[in-house]
Amino acid sequence: MKLFLREHLLLIAVQLVQFVAILSLCGLDGYFNVWIALYAIFIGFFFLGCYLCYQFVSRRRYYQRLNQPLESLDASYRRLEKTPVSDALEQLLHTQYRYYMQQLEQLIKQQEEHLTFMDQWVHQMKTPLSIIELTVQNMDEPEFASIREELERMRSGLQTVLYMARLRAFEQDFHVKSVGLERIIRAVVHDNKRLFIQNRIYPEVHVAESGIAVETDEKWLFFMLTQLVTNAIKYSAGQAEDGGRIVISCGIRGEEAFATVKDRGIGIPAADLKRVFEPFYTGDNGRTARESTGMGLYLTKEAAARLGHRVDLSSEAGSGTEVSIVFGSFHMA
């Protein structure tokens, strides 16, 4: 009703101006009768009201449809009435819809081709990286140590790209089973031992209760914990003696199990805390650590949410960061 009145407001205003103009002309000509004037106004408003009622009743579905949100793209050009204006509007919407769908299909095809290429490229790059790593692993010269460090960064970056691709098809790439928290934590520490040594950081594993098992995907949990550990190493490297230790722990809090990575590094500024889980957001710390991509915490939280877990983060600039993956259910193995 409001849309109908707004559309015909100008017509009503023109009619009022017309009535005033006619009555003014009659008065200026000296021929003015109050009853005839009132009767003329009544007749004018009567016909105006009949016209507006007809327009509203005949196009009621049209106005109701304009006030309702779209349920699908196909509903945008659903025929409601047979009038020249509606026919022209329908034709315009059909043309616009076809053009939009053509553009959308083209963009989707380009995106799929690009993502397929990236997936293939990542898998192809893993082989030469492994060969280079095997070649230099027994070399003790200082220059080979730098090569091994850069290889580790490249491997970490490729791993992030690969898991970003897997996240798109998460439903086809996860398998939930019972996973022991202590075992997976020690596996993550062992997998990153070279990174700990390179950055002179000592990992401490604290297990509050042995035998805690959670229902999750082992591969994704390994990836999430690896992201938390590498972040902790990255932002603890070069700190004071207290900052050279990272604590990886697991335990039970109430009815939930948790796995926590805690460092004493540079911490996260308060202004960045609300945005650290956004994709590609690096914040002030990311500008210091140039290899930061801003995707680690984003992928961790996305994967955790899809597995039914929760990620809690607390940090203070200059005092370190603590990140926990919280599991809603657990059992003792």
Protein backbone atom coordinates (compact mmCIF):
# COMPACT_ATOMS: atom_id res chain seq x y z
CA MET A 1 0.00 0.00 0.00
CA LYS A 2 2.81 2.45 0.84
CA LEU A 3 4.54 1.76 -2.47
CA PHE A 4 1.26 2.34 -4.34
CA LEU A 5 0.68 5.67 -2.58
CA ARG A 6 4.24 6.83 -3.23
CA GLU A 7 3.87 6.02 -6.93
CA HIS A 8 0.56 7.95 -7.29
CA LEU A 9 1.38 10.82 -4.96
CA LEU A 10 2.23 13.11 -7.87
CA LEU A 11 -1.07 12.31 -9.62
CA ILE A 12 -3.04 13.18 -6.47
CA ALA A 13 -1.09 16.43 -6.08
CA VAL A 14 -1.74 17.40 -9.72
CA GLN A 15 -5.47 16.76 -9.28
CA LEU A 16 -5.57 18.95 -6.18
CA VAL A 17 -3.77 21.77 -8.01
CA GLN A 18 -6.20 21.37 -10.92
CA PHE A 19 -9.25 21.66 -8.63
CA VAL A 20 -7.84 24.78 -6.98
CA ALA A 21 -7.02 26.34 -10.37
CA ILE A 22 -10.53 25.70 -11.78
CA LEU A 23 -12.26 27.07 -8.70
CA SER A 24 -9.96 30.11 -8.73
CA LEU A 25 -10.82 30.83 -12.38
CA CYS A 26 -14.53 30.52 -11.63
CA GLY A 27 -14.18 32.91 -8.70
CA LEU A 28 -12.23 35.46 -10.73
CA ASP A 29 -14.87 35.35 -13.49
CA GLY A 30 -17.57 36.20 -10.97
CA TYR A 31 -19.38 32.92 -11.34
CA PHE A 32 -18.95 31.10 -8.06
CA ASN A 33 -21.50 28.92 -6.28
CA VAL A 34 -20.41 27.07 -3.14
CA TRP A 35 -22.67 24.06 -3.66
CA ILE A 36 -21.74 23.64 -7.28
CA ALA A 37 -18.07 23.99 -6.36
CA LEU A 38 -18.38 21.34 -3.65
CA TYR A 39 -20.30 19.08 -6.04
CA ALA A 40 -17.56 19.49 -8.68
CA ILE A 41 -14.87 18.69 -6.12
CA PHE A 42 -16.83 15.62 -5.00
CA ILE A 43 -17.23 14.40 -8.60
CA GLY A 44 -13.51 14.95 -9.25
CA PHE A 45 -12.42 13.08 -6.14
CA PHE A 46 -14.96 10.33 -6.83
CA PHE A 47 -13.49 9.60 -10.25
CA LEU A 48 -9.95 9.92 -8.88
CA GLY A 49 -10.77 7.49 -6.09
CA CYS A 50 -12.35 5.01 -8.53
CA TYR A 51 -9.24 5.16 -10.70
CA LEU A 52 -6.90 4.66 -7.76
CA CYS A 53 -8.98 1.76 -6.40
CA TYR A 54 -8.99 0.08 -9.79
CA GLN A 55 -5.25 0.53 -10.14
CA PHE A 56 -4.60 -0.83 -6.66
CA VAL A 57 -6.89 -3.86 -6.99
CA SER A 58 -5.67 -4.78 -10.47
CA ARG A 59 -2.00 -4.44 -9.52
CA ARG A 60 -2.10 -5.55 -5.91
CA ARG A 61 -0.05 -8.70 -6.57
CA TYR A 62 2.46 -6.59 -8.48
CA TYR A 63 3.03 -4.22 -5.55
CA GLN A 64 3.11 -7.08 -3.05
CA ARG A 65 5.76 -8.83 -5.13
CA LEU A 66 7.91 -5.69 -5.24
CA ASN A 67 7.84 -5.51 -1.45
CA GLN A 68 8.91 -9.15 -0.98
CA PRO A 69 12.57 -10.32 -1.01
CA LEU A 70 13.68 -12.58 -3.84
CA GLU A 71 13.75 -16.28 -3.06
CA SER A 72 15.72 -17.09 -6.22
CA LEU A 73 16.91 -15.45 -9.41
CA ASP A 74 14.18 -17.16 -11.40
CA ALA A 75 11.56 -15.44 -9.27
CA SER A 76 12.77 -12.02 -10.34
CA TYR A 77 10.90 -12.14 -13.65
CA ARG A 78 7.79 -14.10 -12.66
CA ARG A 79 4.76 -12.84 -14.58
CA LEU A 80 2.15 -11.16 -12.38
CA GLU A 81 -0.15 -9.29 -14.76
CA LYS A 82 -0.77 -8.71 -18.44
CA THR A 83 -0.13 -5.04 -19.18
CA PRO A 84 2.17 -3.25 -21.63
CA VAL A 85 4.39 -2.01 -18.80
CA SER A 86 4.69 -5.43 -17.19
CA ASP A 87 5.42 -7.04 -20.56
CA ALA A 88 8.21 -4.54 -21.22
CA LEU A 89 9.57 -4.99 -17.69
CA GLU A 90 9.46 -8.77 -18.03
CA GLN A 91 11.35 -8.62 -21.32
CA LEU A 92 13.97 -6.37 -19.74
CA LEU A 93 14.39 -8.70 -16.77
CA HIS A 94 14.67 -11.73 -19.06
CA THR A 95 17.41 -10.04 -21.05
CA GLN A 96 19.21 -8.90 -17.93
CA TYR A 97 18.92 -12.38 -16.36
CA ARG A 98 20.35 -14.12 -19.44
CA TYR A 99 23.24 -11.66 -19.60
CA TYR A 100 23.91 -12.09 -15.89
CA MET A 101 23.88 -15.89 -16.13
CA GLN A 102 26.27 -15.83 -19.09
CA GLN A 103 28.68 -13.63 -17.16
CA LEU A 104 28.32 -15.76 -14.05
CA GLU A 105 28.95 -19.02 -15.92
CA GLN A 106 32.01 -17.52 -17.57
CA LEU A 107 33.42 -16.33 -14.25
CA ILE A 108 32.72 -19.68 -12.57
CA LYS A 109 34.47 -21.49 -15.41
CA GLN A 110 37.49 -19.18 -15.17
CA GLN A 111 37.63 -19.64 -11.40
CA GLU A 112 37.42 -23.43 -11.67
CA GLU A 113 40.19 -23.46 -14.28
CA HIS A 114 42.36 -21.25 -12.10
CA LEU A 115 41.77 -23.37 -8.99
CA THR A 116 42.44 -26.59 -10.90
CA PHE A 117 45.69 -25.13 -12.19
CA MET A 118 46.69 -24.05 -8.67
CA ASP A 119 45.96 -27.51 -7.25
CA GLN A 120 48.01 -29.20 -9.96
CA TRP A 121 50.82 -26.69 -9.56
CA VAL A 122 51.01 -27.24 -5.80
CA HIS A 123 51.25 -31.01 -6.23
CA GLN A 124 53.89 -30.62 -8.95
CA MET A 125 56.00 -28.28 -6.81
CA LYS A 126 56.06 -30.69 -3.87
CA THR A 127 58.17 -33.18 -5.81
CA PRO A 128 61.10 -30.85 -6.72
CA LEU A 129 61.02 -29.40 -3.19
CA SER A 130 61.36 -32.89 -1.72
CA ILE A 131 64.25 -33.67 -4.06
CA ILE A 132 66.07 -30.42 -3.17
CA GLU A 133 65.46 -31.09 0.52
CA LEU A 134 66.93 -34.60 0.26
CA THR A 135 69.90 -33.19 -1.64
CA VAL A 136 70.87 -30.59 0.97
CA GLN A 137 69.82 -32.28 4.20
CA ASN A 138 73.25 -33.80 4.83
CA MET A 139 75.19 -30.67 3.84
CA ASP A 140 76.64 -28.85 6.85
CA GLU A 141 77.88 -25.71 5.13
CA PRO A 142 76.21 -22.43 6.25
CA GLU A 143 74.83 -21.66 2.80
CA PHE A 144 72.95 -24.97 2.76
CA ALA A 145 71.38 -24.13 6.11
CA SER A 146 69.90 -21.02 4.50
CA ILE A 147 68.61 -23.13 1.62
CA ARG A 148 66.96 -25.54 4.05
CA GLU A 149 65.33 -22.59 5.84
CA GLU A 150 63.92 -21.19 2.61
CA LEU A 151 62.74 -24.67 1.58
CA GLU A 152 60.84 -24.91 4.84
CA ARG A 153 59.10 -21.62 4.11
CA MET A 154 58.22 -22.75 0.60
CA ARG A 155 56.88 -26.05 1.90
CA SER A 156 54.76 -24.24 4.49
CA GLY A 157 53.36 -21.88 1.85
CA LEU A 158 52.51 -24.71 -0.53
CA GLN A 159 50.84 -26.57 2.33
CA THR A 160 48.67 -23.51 3.06
CA VAL A 161 47.64 -23.23 -0.60
CA LEU A 162 46.82 -26.94 -0.70
CA TYR A 163 44.60 -26.76 2.38
CA MET A 164 42.88 -23.66 1.04
CA ALA A 165 41.96 -25.74 -2.00
CA ARG A 166 40.81 -28.61 0.19
CA LEU A 167 38.65 -26.25 2.23
CA ARG A 168 36.53 -25.54 -0.86
CA ALA A 169 35.56 -29.21 -1.04
CA PHE A 170 35.65 -29.84 2.70
CA GLU A 171 32.63 -32.15 2.66
CA GLN A 172 34.46 -34.56 0.35
CA ASP A 173 37.80 -34.32 2.17
CA PHE A 174 37.29 -35.18 5.82
CA HIS A 175 36.91 -38.36 7.83
CA VAL A 176 35.86 -38.15 11.46
CA LYS A 177 37.29 -40.72 13.83
CA SER A 178 38.66 -40.97 17.36
CA VAL A 179 42.01 -39.17 17.59
CA GLY A 180 44.31 -39.10 20.62
CA LEU A 181 45.25 -35.52 21.48
CA GLU A 182 48.62 -36.33 23.04
CA ARG A 183 49.70 -38.40 20.04
CA ILE A 184 48.76 -35.73 17.50
CA ILE A 185 50.46 -32.98 19.55
CA ARG A 186 53.72 -34.90 19.74
CA ALA A 187 53.50 -35.63 16.01
CA VAL A 188 53.15 -31.90 15.28
CA VAL A 189 56.14 -31.09 17.50
CA HIS A 190 58.23 -33.77 15.80
CA ASP A 191 57.23 -32.59 12.33
CA ASN A 192 58.36 -29.05 13.18
CA LYS A 193 61.54 -29.95 15.08
CA ARG A 194 63.76 -28.38 12.42
CA LEU A 195 61.80 -25.14 12.68
CA PHE A 196 62.20 -25.14 16.48
CA ILE A 197 65.96 -25.69 16.13
CA GLN A 198 66.40 -23.03 13.47
CA ASN A 199 64.66 -20.42 15.61
CA ARG A 200 66.23 -21.63 18.89
CA ILE A 201 62.87 -22.18 20.51
CA TYR A 202 62.20 -24.98 22.96
CA PRO A 203 58.79 -26.72 22.84
CA GLU A 204 57.19 -27.95 26.04
CA VAL A 205 54.40 -30.52 25.87
CA HIS A 206 52.08 -30.58 28.86
CA VAL A 207 49.46 -33.32 29.07
CA ALA A 208 47.06 -32.80 31.96
CA GLU A 209 45.41 -36.19 31.51
CA SER A 210 46.63 -39.05 29.36
CA GLY A 211 44.33 -40.87 26.99
CA ILE A 212 42.12 -37.94 25.92
CA ALA A 213 40.56 -38.76 22.55
CA VAL A 214 38.28 -36.53 20.48
CA GLU A 215 36.09 -37.12 17.45
CA THR A 216 37.67 -35.16 14.61
CA ASP A 217 39.52 -35.44 11.32
CA GLU A 218 43.14 -36.32 12.06
CA LYS A 219 44.57 -34.66 8.96
CA TRP A 220 42.75 -31.37 9.54
CA LEU A 221 43.57 -31.37 13.26
CA PHE A 222 47.24 -31.90 12.42
CA PHE A 223 47.07 -28.97 10.01
CA MET A 224 45.33 -26.69 12.53
CA LEU A 225 47.83 -27.43 15.29
CA THR A 226 50.70 -26.99 12.84
CA GLN A 227 49.39 -23.54 11.91
CA LEU A 228 49.18 -22.55 15.58
CA VAL A 229 52.68 -23.86 16.30
CA THR A 230 54.29 -22.19 13.28
CA ASN A 231 52.58 -18.89 14.17
CA ALA A 232 53.88 -19.18 17.73
CA ILE A 233 57.41 -19.86 16.45
CA LYS A 234 57.23 -17.03 13.93
CA TYR A 235 56.23 -14.42 16.49
CA SER A 236 58.48 -15.74 19.28
CA ALA A 237 61.72 -15.93 17.32
CA GLY A 238 64.33 -13.47 18.52
CA GLN A 239 62.52 -12.68 21.76
CA ALA A 240 63.94 -12.84 25.25
CA GLU A 241 64.70 -16.10 27.01
CA ASP A 242 61.13 -16.39 28.27
CA GLY A 243 59.87 -15.86 24.72
CA GLY A 244 61.99 -18.78 23.51
CA ARG A 245 59.62 -21.35 24.90
CA ILE A 246 56.33 -22.55 23.48
CA VAL A 247 53.93 -24.64 25.52
CA ILE A 248 51.66 -27.10 23.71
CA SER A 249 49.17 -28.66 26.07
CA CYS A 250 45.95 -30.61 26.18
CA GLY A 251 43.45 -31.32 28.90
CA ILE A 252 39.86 -31.23 30.05
CA ARG A 253 37.96 -28.13 31.11
CA GLY A 254 34.47 -28.88 32.37
CA GLU A 255 32.74 -30.95 29.70
CA GLU A 256 35.13 -29.94 26.93
CA ALA A 257 38.57 -31.07 25.87
CA PHE A 258 41.13 -28.61 24.55
CA ALA A 259 44.49 -28.40 22.81
CA THR A 260 46.37 -25.16 23.46
CA VAL A 261 49.45 -23.49 21.98
CA LYS A 262 50.88 -20.76 24.18
CA ASP A 263 53.87 -18.55 23.44
CA ARG A 264 55.57 -15.60 25.11
CA GLY A 265 56.27 -13.72 21.92
CA ILE A 266 55.33 -10.27 20.73
CA GLY A 267 51.60 -10.81 21.22
CA ILE A 268 48.76 -9.23 19.27
CA PRO A 269 47.74 -5.55 19.64
CA ALA A 270 44.26 -5.05 21.06
CA ALA A 271 43.15 -3.27 17.87
CA ASP A 272 43.88 -6.41 15.81
CA LEU A 273 42.23 -9.00 18.06
CA LYS A 274 38.80 -8.72 16.42
CA ARG A 275 40.21 -9.18 12.91
CA VAL A 276 42.89 -11.85 13.26
CA PHE A 277 40.53 -14.53 11.92
CA GLU A 278 39.72 -12.60 8.75
CA PRO A 279 41.32 -13.93 5.54
CA PHE A 280 44.51 -12.15 4.41
CA TYR A 281 44.50 -9.87 7.46
CA THR A 282 48.05 -9.58 8.81
CA GLY A 283 47.79 -6.58 11.13
CA ASP A 284 50.76 -4.77 12.64
CA ASN A 285 52.64 -8.00 13.36
CA GLY A 286 52.25 -9.15 9.77
CA ARG A 287 54.01 -6.04 8.56
CA THR A 288 56.97 -7.01 10.74
CA ALA A 289 56.98 -10.66 9.66
CA ARG A 290 56.99 -10.28 5.90
CA GLU A 291 56.27 -13.96 5.20
CA SER A 292 52.93 -13.65 6.98
CA THR A 293 49.96 -14.40 4.70
CA GLY A 294 47.11 -13.77 7.12
CA MET A 295 45.57 -17.15 6.22
CA GLY A 296 46.74 -19.42 9.05
CA LEU A 297 44.21 -18.42 11.71
CA TYR A 298 41.46 -18.03 9.11
CA LEU A 299 41.92 -21.59 7.83
CA THR A 300 42.19 -22.89 11.38
CA LYS A 301 38.92 -21.31 12.48
CA GLU A 302 37.09 -22.30 9.27
CA ALA A 303 38.19 -25.93 9.53
CA ALA A 304 37.41 -26.05 13.25
CA ALA A 305 33.92 -24.64 12.69
CA ARG A 306 33.15 -27.21 9.99
CA LEU A 307 34.29 -30.00 12.29
CA GLY A 308 32.15 -28.68 15.13
CA HIS A 309 35.06 -27.32 17.20
CA ARG A 310 35.76 -23.85 18.56
CA VAL A 311 38.86 -21.67 18.48
CA ASP A 312 39.56 -19.39 21.45
CA LEU A 313 42.28 -16.75 21.35
CA SER A 314 43.66 -14.46 24.00
CA SER A 315 46.65 -12.20 23.62
CA GLU A 316 48.30 -9.07 24.91
CA ALA A 317 50.90 -7.03 23.09
CA GLY A 318 54.34 -7.86 24.47
CA SER A 319 53.08 -10.74 26.63
CA GLY A 320 52.44 -13.52 24.14
CA THR A 321 49.44 -15.33 22.69
CA GLU A 322 47.37 -18.33 23.70
CA VAL A 323 45.19 -20.12 21.15
CA SER A 324 43.01 -23.13 21.98
CA ILE A 325 41.07 -25.58 19.88
CA VAL A 326 38.10 -26.62 22.01
CA PHE A 327 36.29 -29.91 21.37
CA GLY A 328 32.67 -30.23 22.41
CA SER A 329 32.89 -33.95 23.12
CA PHE A 330 35.65 -36.35 24.13
CA HIS A 331 36.28 -39.70 25.72
CA MET A 332 39.15 -41.41 27.47
CA ALA A 333 40.93 -43.94 25.30
